[in-house]
Protein backbone atom coordinates (compact mmCIF):
# COMPACT_ATOMS: atom_id res chain seq x y z
CA UNK A 1 0.00 0.00 0.00
CA UNK A 2 1.13 3.54 -0.79
CA UNK A 3 0.33 6.34 1.65
CA UNK A 4 0.83 9.89 0.36
CA UNK A 5 0.92 13.01 2.51
CA UNK A 6 0.12 16.38 0.91
CA UNK A 7 -2.97 15.30 -1.04
CA UNK A 8 -3.68 18.61 -2.75
CA UNK A 9 -0.13 19.41 -3.88
CA UNK A 10 1.05 19.17 -7.47
CA UNK A 11 3.02 15.92 -7.09
CA UNK A 12 0.41 14.24 -4.91
CA UNK A 13 -2.27 15.07 -7.48
CA UNK A 14 -0.23 13.33 -10.18
CA UNK A 15 0.44 10.36 -7.88
CA UNK A 16 -3.29 9.91 -7.40
CA UNK A 17 -3.91 10.14 -11.13
CA UNK A 18 -1.23 7.55 -11.90
CA UNK A 19 -2.56 5.27 -9.17
CA UNK A 20 -6.04 5.43 -10.69
CA UNK A 21 -4.61 4.69 -14.14
CA UNK A 22 -2.59 1.70 -12.95
CA UNK A 23 -5.07 0.45 -10.32
CA UNK A 24 -2.56 0.93 -7.50
CA UNK A 25 -3.54 0.75 -3.84
CA UNK A 26 -2.84 4.36 -2.89
CA UNK A 27 -4.36 6.53 -0.18
CA UNK A 28 -3.64 10.24 -0.14
CA UNK A 29 -4.20 12.30 3.00
CA UNK A 30 -4.98 16.01 3.02
CA UNK A 31 -3.76 18.50 5.61
CA UNK A 32 -7.11 18.17 7.34
CA UNK A 33 -6.68 14.40 7.72
CA UNK A 34 -2.90 14.40 8.30
CA UNK A 35 -2.02 17.77 9.76
CA UNK A 36 1.72 18.43 9.77
CA UNK A 37 1.18 21.10 12.44
CA UNK A 38 -0.30 18.37 14.67
CA UNK A 39 2.05 15.40 14.12
CA UNK A 40 -0.03 12.99 16.23
CA UNK A 41 -2.58 12.79 13.40
CA UNK A 42 0.13 11.61 11.03
CA UNK A 43 1.85 9.24 13.43
CA UNK A 44 -1.49 7.54 14.10
CA UNK A 45 -1.92 6.90 10.38
CA UNK A 46 1.54 5.31 10.16
CA UNK A 47 1.07 3.25 13.31
CA UNK A 48 -2.16 1.77 11.97
CA UNK A 49 -1.04 1.25 8.36
CA UNK A 50 -0.75 -2.24 6.78
CA UNK A 51 2.62 -3.98 7.16
CA UNK A 52 3.50 -3.58 3.46
CA UNK A 53 3.06 0.21 3.41
CA UNK A 54 5.37 2.66 1.63
CA UNK A 55 5.15 6.32 2.67
CA UNK A 56 5.56 9.15 0.15
CA UNK A 57 5.84 12.58 1.76
CA UNK A 58 4.83 15.25 -0.73
CA UNK A 59 3.74 17.72 1.96
CA UNK A 60 5.79 20.82 2.69
CA UNK A 61 5.74 24.51 3.49
CA UNK A 62 6.54 25.87 0.04
CA UNK A 63 5.70 29.59 0.33
CA UNK A 64 9.34 30.62 -0.07
CA UNK A 65 8.94 34.34 0.57
CA UNK A 66 6.41 33.95 3.38
CA UNK A 67 8.72 31.50 5.15
CA UNK A 68 11.19 34.33 5.79
CA UNK A 69 8.80 35.73 8.40
CA UNK A 70 6.99 32.51 9.29
CA UNK A 71 10.03 30.57 10.43
CA UNK A 72 8.49 28.33 13.07
CA UNK A 73 5.67 27.14 10.80
CA UNK A 74 8.15 26.39 8.02
CA UNK A 75 10.37 24.48 10.43
CA UNK A 76 7.44 22.46 11.78
CA UNK A 77 6.20 21.42 8.33
CA UNK A 78 9.58 20.98 6.62
CA UNK A 79 11.81 19.66 9.40
CA UNK A 80 10.25 18.65 12.71
CA UNK A 81 7.25 16.69 11.47
CA UNK A 82 9.12 14.93 8.62
CA UNK A 83 11.65 13.82 11.24
CA UNK A 84 8.84 12.37 13.36
CA UNK A 85 7.37 10.68 10.28
CA UNK A 86 10.76 9.10 9.59
CA UNK A 87 11.03 7.84 13.17
CA UNK A 88 7.57 6.27 12.88
CA UNK A 89 8.56 4.68 9.56
CA UNK A 90 11.71 3.27 11.17
CA UNK A 91 9.63 1.63 13.91
CA UNK A 92 7.35 -0.04 11.33
CA UNK A 93 10.18 -0.74 8.86
CA UNK A 94 8.34 1.27 6.20
CA UNK A 95 10.29 2.81 3.31
CA UNK A 96 9.95 6.61 3.13
CA UNK A 97 10.21 8.58 -0.10
CA UNK A 98 10.60 12.26 0.77
CA UNK A 99 10.64 15.21 -1.62
CA UNK A 100 13.26 17.89 -1.10
CA UNK A 101 14.62 20.82 -3.06
CA UNK A 102 17.48 22.49 -4.88
CA UNK A 103 17.21 25.31 -2.31
CA UNK A 104 19.40 23.31 0.10
CA UNK A 105 22.36 24.58 -1.95
CA UNK A 106 23.74 28.14 -1.86
CA UNK A 107 23.18 28.57 -5.60
CA UNK A 108 26.66 29.83 -6.46
CA UNK A 109 28.09 26.76 -8.23
CA UNK A 110 29.52 26.56 -11.75
CA UNK A 111 28.53 22.96 -12.54
CA UNK A 112 25.55 20.70 -11.75
CA UNK A 113 25.27 19.95 -8.05
CA UNK A 114 26.09 16.43 -6.91
CA UNK A 115 24.33 14.86 -3.94
CA UNK A 116 27.64 15.03 -2.08
CA UNK A 117 28.32 18.72 -2.72
CA UNK A 118 28.33 21.01 0.33
CA UNK A 119 24.94 22.48 1.17
CA UNK A 120 24.41 26.04 2.39
CA UNK A 121 20.86 27.30 1.92
CA UNK A 122 20.34 31.06 1.76
CA UNK A 123 16.63 31.03 2.68
CA UNK A 124 14.45 29.87 5.55
CA UNK A 125 12.70 27.51 3.17
CA UNK A 126 16.00 25.95 2.12
CA UNK A 127 17.31 25.75 5.68
CA UNK A 128 14.19 24.05 6.99
CA UNK A 129 14.13 21.59 4.10
CA UNK A 130 17.77 20.75 4.81
CA UNK A 131 16.94 20.29 8.51
CA UNK A 132 14.23 17.88 7.39
CA UNK A 133 16.73 15.89 5.35
CA UNK A 134 19.05 15.62 8.35
CA UNK A 135 16.23 14.55 10.65
CA UNK A 136 15.11 11.84 8.24
CA UNK A 137 18.61 10.50 7.67
CA UNK A 138 19.34 10.41 11.42
CA UNK A 139 16.12 8.47 12.13
CA UNK A 140 17.54 5.27 10.70
CA UNK A 141 14.54 4.67 8.45
CA UNK A 142 14.84 3.27 4.94
CA UNK A 143 14.61 6.40 2.84
CA UNK A 144 14.96 7.93 -0.58
CA UNK A 145 15.22 11.72 -0.42
CA UNK A 146 14.50 13.12 -3.86
CA UNK A 147 15.71 16.67 -4.47
CA UNK A 148 14.01 18.37 -7.37
CA UNK A 149 13.47 21.87 -8.73
CA UNK A 150 11.14 24.35 -10.49
CA UNK A 151 8.05 22.13 -10.28
CA UNK A 152 5.23 22.78 -12.74
CA UNK A 153 1.96 21.10 -13.70
CA UNK A 154 -1.59 21.76 -14.83
CA UNK A 155 -2.76 22.14 -11.22
CA UNK A 156 -1.93 24.37 -8.27
CA UNK A 157 0.25 27.47 -8.32
CA UNK A 158 3.32 27.34 -10.54
CA UNK A 159 5.35 29.36 -13.03
CA UNK A 160 3.67 27.95 -16.15
CA UNK A 161 0.17 28.89 -15.00
CA UNK A 162 1.36 32.29 -13.84
CA UNK A 163 2.94 33.06 -17.22
CA UNK A 164 -0.18 32.01 -19.09
CA UNK A 165 -2.34 34.22 -16.87
CA UNK A 166 -0.05 37.25 -17.12
CA UNK A 167 0.53 36.73 -20.84
CA UNK A 168 -3.18 37.08 -21.56
CA UNK A 169 -3.22 40.61 -20.17
CA UNK A 170 0.19 41.96 -21.17
CA UNK A 171 2.04 42.33 -24.46
CA UNK A 172 5.40 42.42 -22.67
CA UNK A 173 6.70 41.16 -19.32
CA UNK A 174 10.05 41.09 -17.52
CA UNK A 175 11.50 37.83 -16.20
CA UNK A 176 14.82 37.23 -14.45
CA UNK A 177 17.59 35.89 -16.68
CA UNK A 178 20.40 35.16 -14.20
CA UNK A 179 18.80 32.22 -12.36
CA UNK A 180 19.57 28.87 -14.00
CA UNK A 181 17.95 25.53 -13.21
CA UNK A 182 15.87 22.63 -14.43
CA UNK A 183 12.07 22.88 -14.73
CA UNK A 184 10.52 19.58 -13.62
CA UNK A 185 6.97 18.45 -14.22
CA UNK A 186 5.02 17.09 -11.26
CA UNK A 187 3.93 14.20 -13.48
CA UNK A 188 7.51 13.09 -14.06
CA UNK A 189 8.31 13.40 -10.35
CA UNK A 190 5.27 11.27 -9.53
CA UNK A 191 6.32 8.62 -12.05
CA UNK A 192 9.77 8.56 -10.50
CA UNK A 193 8.35 8.22 -6.98
CA UNK A 194 6.29 5.22 -8.04
CA UNK A 195 9.27 3.62 -9.78
CA UNK A 196 11.40 4.13 -6.68
CA UNK A 197 8.65 2.69 -4.47
CA UNK A 198 8.59 -0.43 -6.63
CA UNK A 199 12.36 -0.77 -6.88
CA UNK A 200 13.08 -0.27 -3.18
CA UNK A 201 10.22 -2.10 -1.44
CA UNK A 202 12.31 -5.24 -0.93
CA UNK A 203 15.67 -3.58 -0.24
CA UNK A 204 17.38 -4.42 3.03
CA UNK A 205 17.79 -1.57 5.54
CA UNK A 206 21.54 -1.55 5.00
CA UNK A 207 21.37 -1.39 1.20
CA UNK A 208 23.67 1.30 -0.28
CA UNK A 209 20.84 2.31 -2.61
CA UNK A 210 19.04 4.25 0.12
CA UNK A 211 19.90 7.93 0.45
CA UNK A 212 19.73 11.27 -1.37
CA UNK A 213 19.11 11.58 -5.12
CA UNK A 214 18.69 14.43 -7.59
CA UNK A 215 15.95 14.56 -10.21
CA UNK A 216 15.20 17.58 -12.37
CA UNK A 217 14.36 18.50 -15.93
CA UNK A 218 16.87 18.95 -18.71
CA UNK A 219 18.29 20.85 -20.52
CA UNK A 220 19.20 23.56 -18.04
CA UNK A 221 17.55 26.90 -18.68
CA UNK A 222 16.77 30.28 -17.15
CA UNK A 223 13.43 31.65 -15.99
CA UNK A 224 13.19 34.06 -18.92
CA UNK A 225 13.99 31.27 -21.40
CA UNK A 226 11.40 29.08 -19.68
CA UNK A 227 8.84 31.87 -20.10
CA UNK A 228 9.73 32.29 -23.76
CA UNK A 229 9.20 28.59 -24.37
CA UNK A 230 5.82 28.70 -22.61
CA UNK A 231 4.68 31.53 -24.87
CA UNK A 232 6.17 29.91 -27.98
CA UNK A 233 4.40 26.62 -27.42
CA UNK A 234 1.17 28.43 -26.48
CA UNK A 235 1.40 30.56 -29.64
CA UNK A 236 1.17 33.72 -27.54
CA UNK A 237 2.85 36.90 -28.74
CA UNK A 238 3.91 38.17 -25.31
CA UNK A 239 7.46 39.55 -25.37
CA UNK A 240 9.83 38.54 -22.57
CA UNK A 241 12.40 41.14 -21.50
CA UNK A 242 15.26 39.74 -19.38
CA UNK A 243 16.17 41.43 -16.10
CA UNK A 244 18.62 40.63 -13.31
CA UNK A 245 17.61 39.28 -9.92
CA UNK A 246 18.82 42.49 -8.26
CA UNK A 247 16.21 44.35 -10.27
CA UNK A 248 13.43 42.10 -8.95
CA UNK A 249 14.01 41.92 -5.17
CA UNK A 250 12.06 39.36 -3.14
CA UNK A 251 12.03 38.62 0.61
CA UNK A 252 13.82 35.32 -0.03
CA UNK A 253 16.94 35.41 -2.19
CA UNK A 254 16.59 32.86 -4.99
CA UNK A 255 19.62 30.71 -5.88
CA UNK A 256 21.30 31.85 -9.08
CA UNK A 257 22.37 28.27 -9.87
CA UNK A 258 19.97 25.36 -9.29
CA UNK A 259 21.19 22.80 -11.81
CA UNK A 260 21.21 19.29 -10.36
CA UNK A 261 23.39 16.38 -11.47
CA UNK A 262 21.03 13.41 -11.89
CA UNK A 263 23.57 10.73 -12.82
CA UNK A 264 23.33 8.87 -9.50
CA UNK A 265 19.60 8.19 -9.99
CA UNK A 266 20.24 6.85 -13.48
CA UNK A 267 23.21 4.79 -12.35
CA UNK A 268 21.35 3.10 -9.47
CA UNK A 269 17.78 2.91 -10.79
CA UNK A 270 18.02 3.59 -14.55
CA UNK A 271 15.82 6.65 -14.19
CA UNK A 272 16.76 9.39 -16.64
CA UNK A 273 16.11 13.13 -16.23
CA UNK A 274 12.94 14.25 -18.05
CA UNK A 275 12.93 16.67 -20.96
CA UNK A 276 11.05 19.65 -19.55
CA UNK A 277 10.10 20.98 -22.98
CA UNK A 278 8.30 17.74 -23.80
CA UNK A 279 6.61 17.71 -20.41
CA UNK A 280 5.62 21.36 -20.89
CA UNK A 281 3.83 20.41 -24.11
CA UNK A 282 1.79 17.81 -22.22
CA UNK A 283 0.87 20.29 -19.48
CA UNK A 284 -0.13 22.99 -21.98
CA UNK A 285 -2.24 20.49 -23.91
CA UNK A 286 -4.06 19.51 -20.74
CA UNK A 287 -4.63 23.12 -19.74
CA UNK A 288 -5.98 23.84 -23.22
CA UNK A 289 -8.40 20.92 -23.02
CA UNK A 290 -9.64 22.06 -19.60
CA UNK A 291 -10.01 25.73 -20.47
């Protein structure tokens, strides 16, 4: 059985859709049913789950700017409760697949980040997500921590939907050009989570395959190039003018470099990075059908 926390998030939505397609035994819990601000509700679910359960944690505090002033809430959702979830998983011998982020890095690198590269988050969001990673790893549970970046889909709040909305009203917009990363569709992340759940369900606790992995879209791009591709594929005439991050200040400083090296995931599980342009086409097609 698969138990998913964060029912209404982008990745959890795609997990539920894939489970329905493939007739998988999956139960997703919303924040009302499994409240990360009240960990007892979540621990009870784990304690009473069937013996063959795999936990996928897709819940998080993801309001990056708001986290700068809402530190304790971000820490509770991103660090403290995931650590408690991991401890509960360790007691039941349940595998835990946990989603993390490129924001654990300082964003000043000159080549794709390896899982072993030094971390150094510059934001509260990144720091609390890194604390969550440490808490999970120290729990002793069987875990895959999947770091990803720039998530987009046909649901929820994300860059693709924002650009489409803004592009309808404006002939020209400005988008930062000095932040580089890998857009990653929620659908591809969900597929990867299900593959990892299948591949790791029978691994021994001391298997070297457990640990941290990177998964993000390729080829690397910038936010303004991402926006241009959204408008190109959507056949919109909105012009994108590049600006620097210093000209678009935000409460949380975004990493200038978020490119992740995904070779370890391919080497150990034969999972290749997705092509974000292809995945973007699928998302735009779905949005067009639903409009």
